[in-house]
Amino acid sequence: MEFSRRETLAMGLGAAVVTVLPFRVTAAADDRIAAFTGGAEMAEGGVTLNAPEIAENGNTVPISVEAPGATAILVLAAGNPEPGVATFNFGPGAAQQAASTRIRLAGTQDVVAVAKLADGSFAKVSATVKVTIGGCGG
């Protein structure tokens, strides 16, 4: 099979776009985190994120997040075209700083939770969720 110069250039451009796209998506998630934290340092731990290791259906992936003493929790799906999933705000009368929901994932990716704690510090946790097609583990 022979390719013309135009077809070869088109395939090369397509390969370049596919290579750069994940970096742009990750950059969007990093931008959302920076806007939420104001660029502050984040500690690892202090936040609990429960997400399935394998999701058979990326349209409804159950997650729950908890951060005792948090005033707000940001949840992101780093691989989605629009990474912002939800921001949960907790007032002083909140019995607990926890939330659960179902999210949509475009494919296998990291789900990230960033909590703003009452003292103004931030904590971060992430979990990788493998989205299978048709539940066959692939």
Protein backbone atom coordinates (compact mmCIF):
# COMPACT_ATOMS: atom_id res chain seq x y z
CA MET A 1 0.00 0.00 0.00
CA GLU A 2 1.43 3.35 -1.02
CA PHE A 3 0.59 6.71 0.51
CA SER A 4 0.76 10.07 -1.17
CA ARG A 5 2.71 12.85 0.46
CA ARG A 6 -0.57 14.52 1.49
CA GLU A 7 -1.87 11.34 3.16
CA THR A 8 1.43 10.85 4.99
CA LEU A 9 1.32 14.41 6.30
CA ALA A 10 -2.31 13.99 7.40
CA MET A 11 -1.47 10.79 9.30
CA GLY A 12 1.53 12.47 10.94
CA LEU A 13 -0.59 15.45 12.02
CA GLY A 14 -3.25 13.10 13.40
CA ALA A 15 -0.62 11.21 15.40
CA ALA A 16 0.73 14.49 16.80
CA VAL A 17 -2.75 15.59 17.90
CA VAL A 18 -3.43 12.25 19.60
CA THR A 19 -0.10 12.53 21.42
CA VAL A 20 -0.65 16.10 22.67
CA LEU A 21 -4.36 15.79 23.61
CA PRO A 22 -3.82 13.98 26.96
CA PHE A 23 -1.42 16.73 28.06
CA ARG A 24 -4.04 19.40 27.33
CA VAL A 25 -6.69 17.49 29.30
CA THR A 26 -4.34 17.06 32.27
CA ALA A 27 -3.47 20.75 32.05
CA ALA A 28 -7.18 21.61 32.32
CA ALA A 29 -7.44 19.58 35.54
CA ASP A 30 -4.29 21.23 36.91
CA ASP A 31 -5.76 24.65 36.07
CA ARG A 32 -8.95 23.82 37.98
CA ILE A 33 -6.93 22.68 41.01
CA ALA A 34 -4.81 25.84 40.90
CA ALA A 35 -7.94 28.01 40.76
CA PHE A 36 -9.45 26.14 43.73
CA THR A 37 -6.31 26.24 45.88
CA GLY A 38 -4.94 29.58 44.75
CA GLY A 39 -1.67 27.80 44.01
CA ALA A 40 -1.18 26.68 47.63
CA GLU A 41 0.70 23.51 48.52
CA MET A 42 -1.40 20.38 49.06
CA ALA A 43 -0.78 17.65 51.60
CA GLU A 44 -1.34 14.01 50.74
CA GLY A 45 -3.89 12.39 53.01
CA GLY A 46 -6.67 13.79 55.14
CA VAL A 47 -9.16 13.04 52.36
CA THR A 48 -10.82 9.69 51.70
CA LEU A 49 -11.96 8.93 48.14
CA ASN A 50 -13.90 5.74 47.49
CA ALA A 51 -14.15 4.83 43.82
CA PRO A 52 -14.32 1.44 42.13
CA GLU A 53 -11.07 0.06 40.76
CA ILE A 54 -12.93 -1.20 37.67
CA ALA A 55 -16.13 0.36 36.33
CA GLU A 56 -18.15 -1.66 33.84
CA ASN A 57 -20.08 1.40 32.71
CA GLY A 58 -18.34 4.77 32.45
CA ASN A 59 -21.70 6.56 32.39
CA THR A 60 -22.50 5.91 36.07
CA VAL A 61 -19.46 5.47 38.29
CA PRO A 62 -20.29 5.73 42.02
CA ILE A 63 -17.85 7.70 44.17
CA SER A 64 -17.83 9.04 47.70
CA VAL A 65 -15.49 11.52 49.30
CA GLU A 66 -14.92 12.48 52.94
CA ALA A 67 -12.62 15.03 54.57
CA PRO A 68 -13.23 15.67 58.28
CA GLY A 69 -12.93 19.38 59.01
CA ALA A 70 -13.23 20.46 55.37
CA THR A 71 -15.11 23.55 54.24
CA ALA A 72 -15.14 22.49 50.57
CA ILE A 73 -14.20 19.49 48.44
CA LEU A 74 -13.46 19.67 44.70
CA VAL A 75 -13.85 16.48 42.65
CA LEU A 76 -12.24 16.19 39.21
CA ALA A 77 -12.13 13.53 36.49
CA ALA A 78 -8.70 14.31 35.05
CA GLY A 79 -9.26 12.53 31.71
CA ASN A 80 -12.64 14.03 30.84
CA PRO A 81 -12.80 16.86 28.28
CA GLU A 82 -14.29 19.04 31.04
CA PRO A 83 -12.57 17.78 34.22
CA GLY A 84 -14.74 19.52 36.83
CA VAL A 85 -17.23 17.08 38.33
CA ALA A 86 -18.48 18.76 41.51
CA THR A 87 -17.64 21.11 44.33
CA PHE A 88 -19.20 20.32 47.69
CA ASN A 89 -19.37 23.17 50.22
CA PHE A 90 -19.92 22.54 53.92
CA GLY A 91 -21.16 25.10 56.41
CA PRO A 92 -20.53 25.21 60.15
CA GLY A 93 -23.73 23.26 60.82
CA ALA A 94 -22.77 20.28 58.65
CA ALA A 95 -22.89 17.05 60.63
CA GLN A 96 -20.12 15.55 58.52
CA GLN A 97 -17.99 16.64 55.60
CA ALA A 98 -18.82 13.83 53.19
CA ALA A 99 -20.66 13.44 49.90
CA SER A 100 -21.43 10.73 47.37
CA THR A 101 -22.58 10.86 43.78
CA ARG A 102 -22.32 9.12 40.44
CA ILE A 103 -20.03 10.55 37.81
CA ARG A 104 -19.41 10.00 34.13
CA LEU A 105 -15.94 8.99 32.96
CA ALA A 106 -14.80 9.18 29.33
CA GLY A 107 -12.38 6.27 29.83
CA THR A 108 -9.78 4.91 32.20
CA GLN A 109 -8.45 7.86 34.21
CA ASP A 110 -7.68 9.36 37.59
CA VAL A 111 -10.41 10.79 39.80
CA VAL A 112 -8.99 13.52 42.04
CA ALA A 113 -10.43 15.06 45.22
CA VAL A 114 -8.99 18.24 46.76
CA ALA A 115 -10.27 19.41 50.14
CA LYS A 116 -10.01 22.88 51.61
CA LEU A 117 -9.68 22.40 55.34
CA ALA A 118 -10.98 24.79 58.00
CA ASP A 119 -7.46 26.05 58.78
CA GLY A 120 -6.98 27.14 55.14
CA SER A 121 -4.72 24.26 54.14
CA PHE A 122 -5.45 21.84 51.32
CA ALA A 123 -5.29 18.06 51.03
CA LYS A 124 -5.43 15.91 47.91
CA VAL A 125 -6.10 12.28 47.04
CA SER A 126 -6.57 10.47 43.74
CA ALA A 127 -7.73 7.06 42.54
CA THR A 128 -7.43 5.41 39.14
CA VAL A 129 -10.66 3.99 37.74
CA LYS A 130 -10.39 1.54 34.86
CA VAL A 131 -13.43 1.82 32.59
CA THR A 132 -14.13 -1.39 30.69
CA ILE A 133 -16.21 -1.84 27.59
CA GLY A 134 -19.15 -4.16 28.06
CA GLY A 135 -17.86 -5.35 31.43
CA CYS A 136 -15.32 -7.74 29.92
CA GLY A 137 -12.36 -6.43 31.89
CA GLY A 138 -10.51 -5.11 28.85
